[in-house]
Amino acid sequence: MQDGSPFGIGGLWENWKSPITGQWVRTFCIITTPANVLVSRIHDRMPLILARSDLDRWLGPEPDPSDLLRAYPSADMRMWPISTRVNSAENDDAGILEPVNAAAEA
């Protein structure tokens, strides 16, 4: 976000019992939308970002909050280049989000 505040993303999760092992498994997915103008510079899809005012609806019992499935406004967001280290789950440190010179990473 422009102001650095945290934000929520839309997803679904489920617990299910594996028919092979009999173990309970928790799975999830992140819902995507078409990219807004800002994100479309790097990809045609983006995670469903939820406004704070929509979090209770998304997490609540409403059977069809489908009107929330929309691209988040670009004006409220900012982005910057980060290291390609983000491409490996082994790199799990706050420094991964530090801005980098995009030309130097190429």
PDB file of N, CA and C in Angstrom:
ATOM      1  N   MET A   1       0.826  -1.177   0.000  1.00  0.00           N
ATOM      2  CA  MET A   1       0.000   0.000   0.000  1.00  0.00           C
ATOM      3  C   MET A   1       0.881   1.255   0.000  1.00  0.00           C
ATOM      4  N   GLN A   2       0.342   2.338  -0.507  1.00  0.00           N
ATOM      5  CA  GLN A   2       1.094   3.600  -0.547  1.00  0.00           C
ATOM      6  C   GLN A   2       1.614   3.982   0.835  1.00  0.00           C
ATOM      7  N   ASP A   3       0.795   3.752   1.860  1.00  0.00           N
ATOM      8  CA  ASP A   3       1.175   4.172   3.218  1.00  0.00           C
ATOM      9  C   ASP A   3       1.948   3.093   3.983  1.00  0.00           C
ATOM     10  N   GLY A   4       2.248   1.981   3.339  1.00  0.00           N
ATOM     11  CA  GLY A   4       3.006   0.917   3.978  1.00  0.00           C
ATOM     12  C   GLY A   4       2.184   0.016   4.886  1.00  0.00           C
ATOM     13  N   SER A   5       0.889   0.211   4.936  1.00  0.00           N
ATOM     14  CA  SER A   5       0.041  -0.604   5.807  1.00  0.00           C
ATOM     15  C   SER A   5      -0.134  -2.008   5.239  1.00  0.00           C
ATOM     16  N   PRO A   6      -0.394  -2.980   6.119  1.00  0.00           N
ATOM     17  CA  PRO A   6      -0.636  -4.352   5.639  1.00  0.00           C
ATOM     18  C   PRO A   6      -1.974  -4.437   4.907  1.00  0.00           C
ATOM     19  N   PHE A   7      -2.131  -5.488   4.136  1.00  0.00           N
ATOM     20  CA  PHE A   7      -3.381  -5.688   3.404  1.00  0.00           C
ATOM     21  C   PHE A   7      -3.716  -7.168   3.387  1.00  0.00           C
ATOM     22  N   GLY A   8      -4.968  -7.463   3.141  1.00  0.00           N
ATOM     23  CA  GLY A   8      -5.417  -8.846   3.070  1.00  0.00           C
ATOM     24  C   GLY A   8      -5.557  -9.292   1.629  1.00  0.00           C
ATOM     25  N   ILE A   9      -5.344 -10.573   1.396  1.00  0.00           N
ATOM     26  CA  ILE A   9      -5.574 -11.135   0.070  1.00  0.00           C
ATOM     27  C   ILE A   9      -6.630 -12.222   0.174  1.00  0.00           C
ATOM     28  N   GLY A  10      -7.354 -12.410  -0.891  1.00  0.00           N
ATOM     29  CA  GLY A  10      -8.424 -13.402  -0.917  1.00  0.00           C
ATOM     30  C   GLY A  10      -7.891 -14.780  -1.237  1.00  0.00           C
ATOM     31  N   GLY A  11      -8.368 -15.737  -0.496  1.00  0.00           N
ATOM     32  CA  GLY A  11      -7.991 -17.116  -0.739  1.00  0.00           C
ATOM     33  C   GLY A  11      -9.046 -18.059  -0.190  1.00  0.00           C
ATOM     34  N   LEU A  12      -8.842 -19.309  -0.438  1.00  0.00           N
ATOM     35  CA  LEU A  12      -9.727 -20.361   0.069  1.00  0.00           C
ATOM     36  C   LEU A  12      -8.864 -21.433   0.701  1.00  0.00           C
ATOM     37  N   TRP A  13      -9.349 -22.036   1.766  1.00  0.00           N
ATOM     38  CA  TRP A  13      -8.627 -23.148   2.378  1.00  0.00           C
ATOM     39  C   TRP A  13      -9.616 -24.242   2.736  1.00  0.00           C
ATOM     40  N   GLU A  14      -9.066 -25.426   2.868  1.00  0.00           N
ATOM     41  CA  GLU A  14      -9.902 -26.577   3.210  1.00  0.00           C
ATOM     42  C   GLU A  14      -9.041 -27.628   3.905  1.00  0.00           C
ATOM     43  N   ASN A  15      -9.642 -28.334   4.842  1.00  0.00           N
ATOM     44  CA  ASN A  15      -9.033 -29.519   5.439  1.00  0.00           C
ATOM     45  C   ASN A  15      -9.702 -30.727   4.806  1.00  0.00           C
ATOM     46  N   TRP A  16      -8.909 -31.709   4.414  1.00  0.00           N
ATOM     47  CA  TRP A  16      -9.470 -32.931   3.853  1.00  0.00           C
ATOM     48  C   TRP A  16      -8.601 -34.112   4.252  1.00  0.00           C
ATOM     49  N   LYS A  17      -9.207 -35.260   4.252  1.00  0.00           N
ATOM     50  CA  LYS A  17      -8.505 -36.481   4.657  1.00  0.00           C
ATOM     51  C   LYS A  17      -8.040 -37.229   3.418  1.00  0.00           C
ATOM     52  N   SER A  18      -6.736 -37.470   3.365  1.00  0.00           N
ATOM     53  CA  SER A  18      -6.165 -38.174   2.226  1.00  0.00           C
ATOM     54  C   SER A  18      -6.688 -39.611   2.193  1.00  0.00           C
ATOM     55  N   PRO A  19      -7.247 -40.035   1.058  1.00  0.00           N
ATOM     56  CA  PRO A  19      -7.716 -41.422   0.965  1.00  0.00           C
ATOM     57  C   PRO A  19      -6.561 -42.420   0.923  1.00  0.00           C
ATOM     58  N   ILE A  20      -5.361 -41.941   0.645  1.00  0.00           N
ATOM     59  CA  ILE A  20      -4.201 -42.836   0.559  1.00  0.00           C
ATOM     60  C   ILE A  20      -3.558 -43.031   1.926  1.00  0.00           C
ATOM     61  N   THR A  21      -3.295 -41.915   2.642  1.00  0.00           N
ATOM     62  CA  THR A  21      -2.585 -42.015   3.922  1.00  0.00           C
ATOM     63  C   THR A  21      -3.506 -41.968   5.131  1.00  0.00           C
ATOM     64  N   GLY A  22      -4.725 -41.470   4.944  1.00  0.00           N
ATOM     65  CA  GLY A  22      -5.635 -41.311   6.066  1.00  0.00           C
ATOM     66  C   GLY A  22      -5.323 -40.081   6.912  1.00  0.00           C
ATOM     67  N   GLN A  23      -4.302 -39.321   6.530  1.00  0.00           N
ATOM     68  CA  GLN A  23      -3.914 -38.121   7.264  1.00  0.00           C
ATOM     69  C   GLN A  23      -4.738 -36.918   6.812  1.00  0.00           C
ATOM     70  N   TRP A  24      -4.979 -36.010   7.753  1.00  0.00           N
ATOM     71  CA  TRP A  24      -5.665 -34.765   7.421  1.00  0.00           C
ATOM     72  C   TRP A  24      -4.673 -33.822   6.761  1.00  0.00           C
ATOM     73  N   VAL A  25      -5.100 -33.173   5.713  1.00  0.00           N
ATOM     74  CA  VAL A  25      -4.259 -32.264   4.931  1.00  0.00           C
ATOM     75  C   VAL A  25      -4.958 -30.907   4.847  1.00  0.00           C
ATOM     76  N   ARG A  26      -4.202 -29.832   5.063  1.00  0.00           N
ATOM     77  CA  ARG A  26      -4.748 -28.481   4.891  1.00  0.00           C
ATOM     78  C   ARG A  26      -4.188 -27.922   3.590  1.00  0.00           C
ATOM     79  N   THR A  27      -5.076 -27.520   2.694  1.00  0.00           N
ATOM     80  CA  THR A  27      -4.660 -26.953   1.416  1.00  0.00           C
ATOM     81  C   THR A  27      -5.267 -25.559   1.278  1.00  0.00           C
ATOM     82  N   PHE A  28      -4.662 -24.758   0.420  1.00  0.00           N
ATOM     83  CA  PHE A  28      -5.187 -23.419   0.195  1.00  0.00           C
ATOM     84  C   PHE A  28      -4.835 -22.959  -1.209  1.00  0.00           C
ATOM     85  N   CYS A  29      -5.523 -21.925  -1.642  1.00  0.00           N
ATOM     86  CA  CYS A  29      -5.195 -21.279  -2.912  1.00  0.00           C
ATOM     87  C   CYS A  29      -5.376 -19.780  -2.737  1.00  0.00           C
ATOM     88  N   ILE A  30      -4.613 -19.029  -3.488  1.00  0.00           N
ATOM     89  CA  ILE A  30      -4.752 -17.579  -3.522  1.00  0.00           C
ATOM     90  C   ILE A  30      -5.552 -17.241  -4.765  1.00  0.00           C
ATOM     91  N   ILE A  31      -6.604 -16.477  -4.587  1.00  0.00           N
ATOM     92  CA  ILE A  31      -7.458 -16.086  -5.707  1.00  0.00           C
ATOM     93  C   ILE A  31      -6.809 -14.920  -6.440  1.00  0.00           C
ATOM     94  N   THR A  32      -6.859 -14.962  -7.759  1.00  0.00           N
ATOM     95  CA  THR A  32      -6.301 -13.877  -8.562  1.00  0.00           C
ATOM     96  C   THR A  32      -7.393 -13.167  -9.353  1.00  0.00           C
ATOM     97  N   THR A  33      -7.062 -11.963  -9.777  1.00  0.00           N
ATOM     98  CA  THR A  33      -7.944 -11.155 -10.623  1.00  0.00           C
ATOM     99  C   THR A  33      -7.106 -10.642 -11.794  1.00  0.00           C
ATOM    100  N   PRO A  34      -7.749 -10.074 -12.801  1.00  0.00           N
ATOM    101  CA  PRO A  34      -6.950  -9.395 -13.824  1.00  0.00           C
ATOM    102  C   PRO A  34      -6.146  -8.276 -13.142  1.00  0.00           C
ATOM    103  N   ALA A  35      -4.959  -8.016 -13.636  1.00  0.00           N
ATOM    104  CA  ALA A  35      -4.095  -7.007 -13.032  1.00  0.00           C
ATOM    105  C   ALA A  35      -4.657  -5.601 -13.207  1.00  0.00           C
ATOM    106  N   ASN A  36      -4.400  -4.759 -12.216  1.00  0.00           N
ATOM    107  CA  ASN A  36      -4.722  -3.343 -12.365  1.00  0.00           C
ATOM    108  C   ASN A  36      -3.621  -2.700 -13.212  1.00  0.00           C
ATOM    109  N   VAL A  37      -3.716  -1.391 -13.446  1.00  0.00           N
ATOM    110  CA  VAL A  37      -2.759  -0.711 -14.316  1.00  0.00           C
ATOM    111  C   VAL A  37      -1.330  -0.837 -13.782  1.00  0.00           C
ATOM    112  N   LEU A  38      -1.137  -0.689 -12.495  1.00  0.00           N
ATOM    113  CA  LEU A  38       0.196  -0.765 -11.902  1.00  0.00           C
ATOM    114  C   LEU A  38       0.825  -2.143 -12.097  1.00  0.00           C
ATOM    115  N   VAL A  39       0.113  -3.173 -11.710  1.00  0.00           N
ATOM    116  CA  VAL A  39       0.648  -4.539 -11.773  1.00  0.00           C
ATOM    117  C   VAL A  39       0.748  -5.039 -13.216  1.00  0.00           C
ATOM    118  N   SER A  40      -0.089  -4.534 -14.103  1.00  0.00           N
ATOM    119  CA  SER A  40      -0.068  -5.004 -15.490  1.00  0.00           C
ATOM    120  C   SER A  40       1.256  -4.704 -16.182  1.00  0.00           C
ATOM    121  N   ARG A  41       2.089  -3.853 -15.585  1.00  0.00           N
ATOM    122  CA  ARG A  41       3.428  -3.596 -16.141  1.00  0.00           C
ATOM    123  C   ARG A  41       4.311  -4.828 -16.031  1.00  0.00           C
ATOM    124  N   ILE A  42       3.974  -5.750 -15.104  1.00  0.00           N
ATOM    125  CA  ILE A  42       4.812  -6.940 -14.923  1.00  0.00           C
ATOM    126  C   ILE A  42       4.063  -8.259 -15.111  1.00  0.00           C
ATOM    127  N   HIS A  43       2.714  -8.235 -15.037  1.00  0.00           N
ATOM    128  CA  HIS A  43       1.958  -9.494 -15.180  1.00  0.00           C
ATOM    129  C   HIS A  43       0.504  -9.175 -15.495  1.00  0.00           C
ATOM    130  N   ASP A  44      -0.193 -10.134 -16.093  1.00  0.00           N
ATOM    131  CA  ASP A  44      -1.595  -9.892 -16.444  1.00  0.00           C
ATOM    132  C   ASP A  44      -2.577 -10.295 -15.343  1.00  0.00           C
ATOM    133  N   ARG A  45      -2.075 -10.908 -14.252  1.00  0.00           N
ATOM    134  CA  ARG A  45      -2.914 -11.300 -13.118  1.00  0.00           C
ATOM    135  C   ARG A  45      -2.287 -10.756 -11.841  1.00  0.00           C
ATOM    136  N   MET A  46      -3.099 -10.665 -10.794  1.00  0.00           N
ATOM    137  CA  MET A  46      -2.595 -10.244  -9.484  1.00  0.00           C
ATOM    138  C   MET A  46      -3.453 -10.888  -8.409  1.00  0.00           C
ATOM    139  N   PRO A  47      -2.922 -11.006  -7.184  1.00  0.00           N
ATOM    140  CA  PRO A  47      -3.746 -11.545  -6.100  1.00  0.00           C
ATOM    141  C   PRO A  47      -4.956 -10.652  -5.849  1.00  0.00           C
ATOM    142  N   LEU A  48      -6.028 -11.244  -5.412  1.00  0.00           N
ATOM    143  CA  LEU A  48      -7.208 -10.489  -5.002  1.00  0.00           C
ATOM    144  C   LEU A  48      -6.845  -9.775  -3.699  1.00  0.00           C
ATOM    145  N   ILE A  49      -6.700  -8.453  -3.764  1.00  0.00           N
ATOM    146  CA  ILE A  49      -6.407  -7.657  -2.578  1.00  0.00           C
ATOM    147  C   ILE A  49      -7.729  -7.117  -2.059  1.00  0.00           C
ATOM    148  N   LEU A  50      -7.951  -7.306  -0.772  1.00  0.00           N
ATOM    149  CA  LEU A  50      -9.209  -6.894  -0.157  1.00  0.00           C
ATOM    150  C   LEU A  50      -9.036  -5.601   0.629  1.00  0.00           C
ATOM    151  N   ALA A  51      -9.964  -4.676   0.433  1.00  0.00           N
ATOM    152  CA  ALA A  51      -9.979  -3.456   1.235  1.00  0.00           C
ATOM    153  C   ALA A  51     -10.294  -3.838   2.676  1.00  0.00           C
ATOM    154  N   ARG A  52      -9.770  -3.073   3.628  1.00  0.00           N
ATOM    155  CA  ARG A  52     -10.047  -3.359   5.042  1.00  0.00           C
ATOM    156  C   ARG A  52     -11.549  -3.455   5.307  1.00  0.00           C
ATOM    157  N   SER A  53     -12.308  -2.605   4.646  1.00  0.00           N
ATOM    158  CA  SER A  53     -13.758  -2.594   4.855  1.00  0.00           C
ATOM    159  C   SER A  53     -14.444  -3.852   4.318  1.00  0.00           C
ATOM    160  N   ASP A  54     -13.742  -4.642   3.502  1.00  0.00           N
ATOM    161  CA  ASP A  54     -14.319  -5.866   2.931  1.00  0.00           C
ATOM    162  C   ASP A  54     -13.885  -7.144   3.643  1.00  0.00           C
ATOM    163  N   LEU A  55     -12.957  -7.040   4.580  1.00  0.00           N
ATOM    164  CA  LEU A  55     -12.428  -8.249   5.228  1.00  0.00           C
ATOM    165  C   LEU A  55     -13.508  -9.034   5.968  1.00  0.00           C
ATOM    166  N   ASP A  56     -14.369  -8.353   6.715  1.00  0.00           N
ATOM    167  CA  ASP A  56     -15.424  -9.068   7.444  1.00  0.00           C
ATOM    168  C   ASP A  56     -16.362  -9.797   6.497  1.00  0.00           C
ATOM    169  N   ARG A  57     -16.673  -9.177   5.375  1.00  0.00           N
ATOM    170  CA  ARG A  57     -17.538  -9.860   4.394  1.00  0.00           C
ATOM    171  C   ARG A  57     -16.846 -11.088   3.840  1.00  0.00           C
ATOM    172  N   TRP A  58     -15.557 -10.961   3.497  1.00  0.00           N
ATOM    173  CA  TRP A  58     -14.832 -12.083   2.902  1.00  0.00           C
ATOM    174  C   TRP A  58     -14.727 -13.256   3.867  1.00  0.00           C
ATOM    175  N   LEU A  59     -14.466 -12.944   5.127  1.00  0.00           N
ATOM    176  CA  LEU A  59     -14.265 -13.991   6.128  1.00  0.00           C
ATOM    177  C   LEU A  59     -15.559 -14.458   6.785  1.00  0.00           C
ATOM    178  N   GLY A  60     -16.642 -13.753   6.544  1.00  0.00           N
ATOM    179  CA  GLY A  60     -17.903 -14.060   7.204  1.00  0.00           C
ATOM    180  C   GLY A  60     -18.717 -15.120   6.489  1.00  0.00           C
ATOM    181  N   PRO A  61     -19.943 -15.303   6.946  1.00  0.00           N
ATOM    182  CA  PRO A  61     -20.793 -16.377   6.421  1.00  0.00           C
ATOM    183  C   PRO A  61     -21.526 -16.044   5.124  1.00  0.00           C
ATOM    184  N   GLU A  62     -21.312 -14.858   4.566  1.00  0.00           N
ATOM    185  CA  GLU A  62     -22.027 -14.486   3.338  1.00  0.00           C
ATOM    186  C   GLU A  62     -21.789 -15.542   2.262  1.00  0.00           C
ATOM    187  N   PRO A  63     -22.847 -16.055   1.645  1.00  0.00           N
ATOM    188  CA  PRO A  63     -22.680 -17.149   0.690  1.00  0.00           C
ATOM    189  C   PRO A  63     -22.058 -16.734  -0.651  1.00  0.00           C
ATOM    190  N   ASP A  64     -22.143 -15.443  -1.023  1.00  0.00           N
ATOM    191  CA  ASP A  64     -21.644 -15.055  -2.344  1.00  0.00           C
ATOM    192  C   ASP A  64     -21.099 -13.628  -2.350  1.00  0.00           C
ATOM    193  N   PRO A  65     -19.876 -13.438  -1.866  1.00  0.00           N
ATOM    194  CA  PRO A  65     -19.279 -12.100  -1.931  1.00  0.00           C
ATOM    195  C   PRO A  65     -18.567 -11.863  -3.271  1.00  0.00           C
ATOM    196  N   SER A  66     -19.139 -12.374  -4.370  1.00  0.00           N
ATOM    197  CA  SER A  66     -18.453 -12.339  -5.666  1.00  0.00           C
ATOM    198  C   SER A  66     -18.189 -10.922  -6.176  1.00  0.00           C
ATOM    199  N   ASP A  67     -18.912  -9.928  -5.670  1.00  0.00           N
ATOM    200  CA  ASP A  67     -18.634  -8.562  -6.121  1.00  0.00           C
ATOM    201  C   ASP A  67     -17.269  -8.070  -5.626  1.00  0.00           C
ATOM    202  N   LEU A  68     -16.648  -8.790  -4.690  1.00  0.00           N
ATOM    203  CA  LEU A  68     -15.316  -8.429  -4.203  1.00  0.00           C
ATOM    204  C   LEU A  68     -14.204  -8.919  -5.138  1.00  0.00           C
ATOM    205  N   LEU A  69     -14.562  -9.731  -6.113  1.00  0.00           N
ATOM    206  CA  LEU A  69     -13.582 -10.299  -7.041  1.00  0.00           C
ATOM    207  C   LEU A  69     -13.257  -9.284  -8.132  1.00  0.00           C
ATOM    208  N   ARG A  70     -12.434  -8.309  -7.758  1.00  0.00           N
ATOM    209  CA  ARG A  70     -12.081  -7.240  -8.681  1.00  0.00           C
ATOM    210  C   ARG A  70     -10.649  -6.785  -8.390  1.00  0.00           C
ATOM    211  N   ALA A  71     -10.048  -6.148  -9.379  1.00  0.00           N
ATOM    212  CA  ALA A  71      -8.688  -5.639  -9.193  1.00  0.00           C
ATOM    213  C   ALA A  71      -8.710  -4.476  -8.197  1.00  0.00           C
ATOM    214  N   TYR A  72      -7.725  -4.455  -7.334  1.00  0.00           N
ATOM    215  CA  TYR A  72      -7.597  -3.385  -6.348  1.00  0.00           C
ATOM    216  C   TYR A  72      -7.103  -2.120  -7.059  1.00  0.00           C
ATOM    217  N   PRO A  73      -7.565  -0.933  -6.642  1.00  0.00           N
ATOM    218  CA  PRO A  73      -7.175   0.309  -7.320  1.00  0.00           C
ATOM    219  C   PRO A  73      -5.657   0.568  -7.276  1.00  0.00           C
ATOM    220  N   SER A  74      -5.084   0.867  -8.402  1.00  0.00           N
ATOM    221  CA  SER A  74      -3.652   1.155  -8.505  1.00  0.00           C
ATOM    222  C   SER A  74      -3.234   2.349  -7.654  1.00  0.00           C
ATOM    223  N   ALA A  75      -4.073   3.346  -7.571  1.00  0.00           N
ATOM    224  CA  ALA A  75      -3.717   4.586  -6.874  1.00  0.00           C
ATOM    225  C   ALA A  75      -3.366   4.357  -5.407  1.00  0.00           C
ATOM    226  N   ASP A  76      -3.898   3.303  -4.802  1.00  0.00           N
ATOM    227  CA  ASP A  76      -3.638   3.013  -3.390  1.00  0.00           C
ATOM    228  C   ASP A  76      -2.379   2.183  -3.178  1.00  0.00           C
ATOM    229  N   MET A  77      -1.726   1.776  -4.278  1.00  0.00           N
ATOM    230  CA  MET A  77      -0.598   0.846  -4.191  1.00  0.00           C
ATOM    231  C   MET A  77       0.707   1.499  -4.636  1.00  0.00           C
ATOM    232  N   ARG A  78       1.807   0.856  -4.266  1.00  0.00           N
ATOM    233  CA  ARG A  78       3.126   1.218  -4.774  1.00  0.00           C
ATOM    234  C   ARG A  78       3.887  -0.078  -5.029  1.00  0.00           C
ATOM    235  N   MET A  79       4.876  -0.017  -5.897  1.00  0.00           N
ATOM    236  CA  MET A  79       5.719  -1.189  -6.117  1.00  0.00           C
ATOM    237  C   MET A  79       7.126  -0.733  -6.444  1.00  0.00           C
ATOM    238  N   TRP A  80       8.084  -1.659  -6.225  1.00  0.00           N
ATOM    239  CA  TRP A  80       9.491  -1.380  -6.485  1.00  0.00           C
ATOM    240  C   TRP A  80      10.167  -2.695  -6.819  1.00  0.00           C
ATOM    241  N   PRO A  81      11.277  -2.647  -7.546  1.00  0.00           N
ATOM    242  CA  PRO A  81      11.974  -3.898  -7.880  1.00  0.00           C
ATOM    243  C   PRO A  81      12.643  -4.497  -6.641  1.00  0.00           C
ATOM    244  N   ILE A  82      12.532  -5.817  -6.525  1.00  0.00           N
ATOM    245  CA  ILE A  82      13.207  -6.552  -5.447  1.00  0.00           C
ATOM    246  C   ILE A  82      14.076  -7.635  -6.069  1.00  0.00           C
ATOM    247  N   SER A  83      14.901  -8.237  -5.256  1.00  0.00           N
ATOM    248  CA  SER A  83      15.854  -9.233  -5.727  1.00  0.00           C
ATOM    249  C   SER A  83      15.160 -10.475  -6.284  1.00  0.00           C
ATOM    250  N   THR A  84      15.804 -11.096  -7.238  1.00  0.00           N
ATOM    251  CA  THR A  84      15.314 -12.381  -7.758  1.00  0.00           C
ATOM    252  C   THR A  84      15.464 -13.480  -6.704  1.00  0.00           C
ATOM    253  N   ARG A  85      16.080 -13.158  -5.553  1.00  0.00           N
ATOM    254  CA  ARG A  85      16.149 -14.115  -4.445  1.00  0.00           C
ATOM    255  C   ARG A  85      14.741 -14.546  -4.024  1.00  0.00           C
ATOM    256  N   VAL A  86      13.742 -13.725  -4.332  1.00  0.00           N
ATOM    257  CA  VAL A  86      12.366 -14.043  -3.963  1.00  0.00           C
ATOM    258  C   VAL A  86      11.889 -15.340  -4.638  1.00  0.00           C
ATOM    259  N   ASN A  87      12.573 -15.759  -5.670  1.00  0.00           N
ATOM    260  CA  ASN A  87      12.170 -16.950  -6.420  1.00  0.00           C
ATOM    261  C   ASN A  87      12.514 -18.269  -5.737  1.00  0.00           C
ATOM    262  N   SER A  88      13.163 -18.208  -4.580  1.00  0.00           N
ATOM    263  CA  SER A  88      13.509 -19.431  -3.857  1.00  0.00           C
ATOM    264  C   SER A  88      12.993 -19.360  -2.428  1.00  0.00           C
ATOM    265  N   ALA A  89      12.264 -20.385  -2.010  1.00  0.00           N
ATOM    266  CA  ALA A  89      11.729 -20.441  -0.645  1.00  0.00           C
ATOM    267  C   ALA A  89      12.833 -20.515   0.401  1.00  0.00           C
ATOM    268  N   GLU A  90      14.054 -20.875   0.000  1.00  0.00           N
ATOM    269  CA  GLU A  90      15.184 -20.917   0.934  1.00  0.00           C
ATOM    270  C   GLU A  90      15.545 -19.529   1.453  1.00  0.00           C
ATOM    271  N   ASN A  91      15.222 -18.501   0.682  1.00  0.00           N
ATOM    272  CA  ASN A  91      15.527 -17.123   1.060  1.00  0.00           C
ATOM    273  C   ASN A  91      14.350 -16.556   1.848  1.00  0.00           C
ATOM    274  N   ASP A  92      14.446 -16.629   3.155  1.00  0.00           N
ATOM    275  CA  ASP A  92      13.339 -16.232   4.030  1.00  0.00           C
ATOM    276  C   ASP A  92      13.829 -15.194   5.041  1.00  0.00           C
ATOM    277  N   ASP A  93      14.094 -13.989   4.539  1.00  0.00           N
ATOM    278  CA  ASP A  93      14.563 -12.919   5.407  1.00  0.00           C
ATOM    279  C   ASP A  93      13.967 -11.594   4.938  1.00  0.00           C
ATOM    280  N   ALA A  94      13.901 -10.635   5.834  1.00  0.00           N
ATOM    281  CA  ALA A  94      13.284  -9.343   5.523  1.00  0.00           C
ATOM    282  C   ALA A  94      14.024  -8.604   4.413  1.00  0.00           C
ATOM    283  N   GLY A  95      15.320  -8.842   4.271  1.00  0.00           N
ATOM    284  CA  GLY A  95      16.106  -8.165   3.250  1.00  0.00           C
ATOM    285  C   GLY A  95      15.647  -8.442   1.835  1.00  0.00           C
ATOM    286  N   ILE A  96      14.878  -9.495   1.661  1.00  0.00           N
ATOM    287  CA  ILE A  96      14.406  -9.865   0.326  1.00  0.00           C
ATOM    288  C   ILE A  96      13.479  -8.794  -0.263  1.00  0.00           C
ATOM    289  N   LEU A  97      12.901  -7.979   0.606  1.00  0.00           N
ATOM    290  CA  LEU A  97      11.977  -6.935   0.155  1.00  0.00           C
ATOM    291  C   LEU A  97      12.639  -5.584  -0.072  1.00  0.00           C
ATOM    292  N   GLU A  98      13.942  -5.500   0.185  1.00  0.00           N
ATOM    293  CA  GLU A  98      14.654  -4.240  -0.015  1.00  0.00           C
ATOM    294  C   GLU A  98      14.728  -3.914  -1.515  1.00  0.00           C
ATOM    295  N   PRO A  99      14.554  -2.647  -1.862  1.00  0.00           N
ATOM    296  CA  PRO A  99      14.650  -2.255  -3.280  1.00  0.00           C
ATOM    297  C   PRO A  99      16.033  -2.578  -3.847  1.00  0.00           C
ATOM    298  N   VAL A 100      16.055  -2.987  -5.104  1.00  0.00           N
ATOM    299  CA  VAL A 100      17.301  -3.250  -5.810  1.00  0.00           C
ATOM    300  C   VAL A 100      17.289  -2.476  -7.127  1.00  0.00           C
ATOM    301  N   ASN A 101      18.446  -2.339  -7.712  1.00  0.00           N
ATOM    302  CA  ASN A 101      18.565  -1.744  -9.032  1.00  0.00           C
ATOM    303  C   ASN A 101      18.148  -2.814 -10.026  1.00  0.00           C
ATOM    304  N   ALA A 102      17.035  -2.617 -10.704  1.00  0.00           N
ATOM    305  CA  ALA A 102      16.499  -3.629 -11.618  1.00  0.00           C
ATOM    306  C   ALA A 102      17.503  -3.980 -12.708  1.00  0.00           C
ATOM    307  N   ALA A 103      18.271  -3.024 -13.194  1.00  0.00           N
ATOM    308  CA  ALA A 103      19.256  -3.296 -14.232  1.00  0.00           C
ATOM    309  C   ALA A 103      20.361  -4.205 -13.721  1.00  0.00           C
ATOM    310  N   ALA A 104      20.736  -4.044 -12.453  1.00  0.00           N
ATOM    311  CA  ALA A 104      21.800  -4.876 -11.875  1.00  0.00           C
ATOM    312  C   ALA A 104      21.343  -6.320 -11.688  1.00  0.00           C
ATOM    313  N   GLU A 105      20.057  -6.536 -11.504  1.00  0.00           N
ATOM    314  CA  GLU A 105      19.516  -7.884 -11.296  1.00  0.00           C
ATOM    315  C   GLU A 105      19.384  -8.657 -12.603  1.00  0.00           C
ATOM    316  N   ALA A 106      19.307  -7.960 -13.712  1.00  0.00           N
ATOM    317  CA  ALA A 106      19.047  -8.601 -15.014  1.00  0.00           C
ATOM    318  C   ALA A 106      20.205  -9.437 -15.484  1.00  0.00           C
TER     319      ALA A 106
END
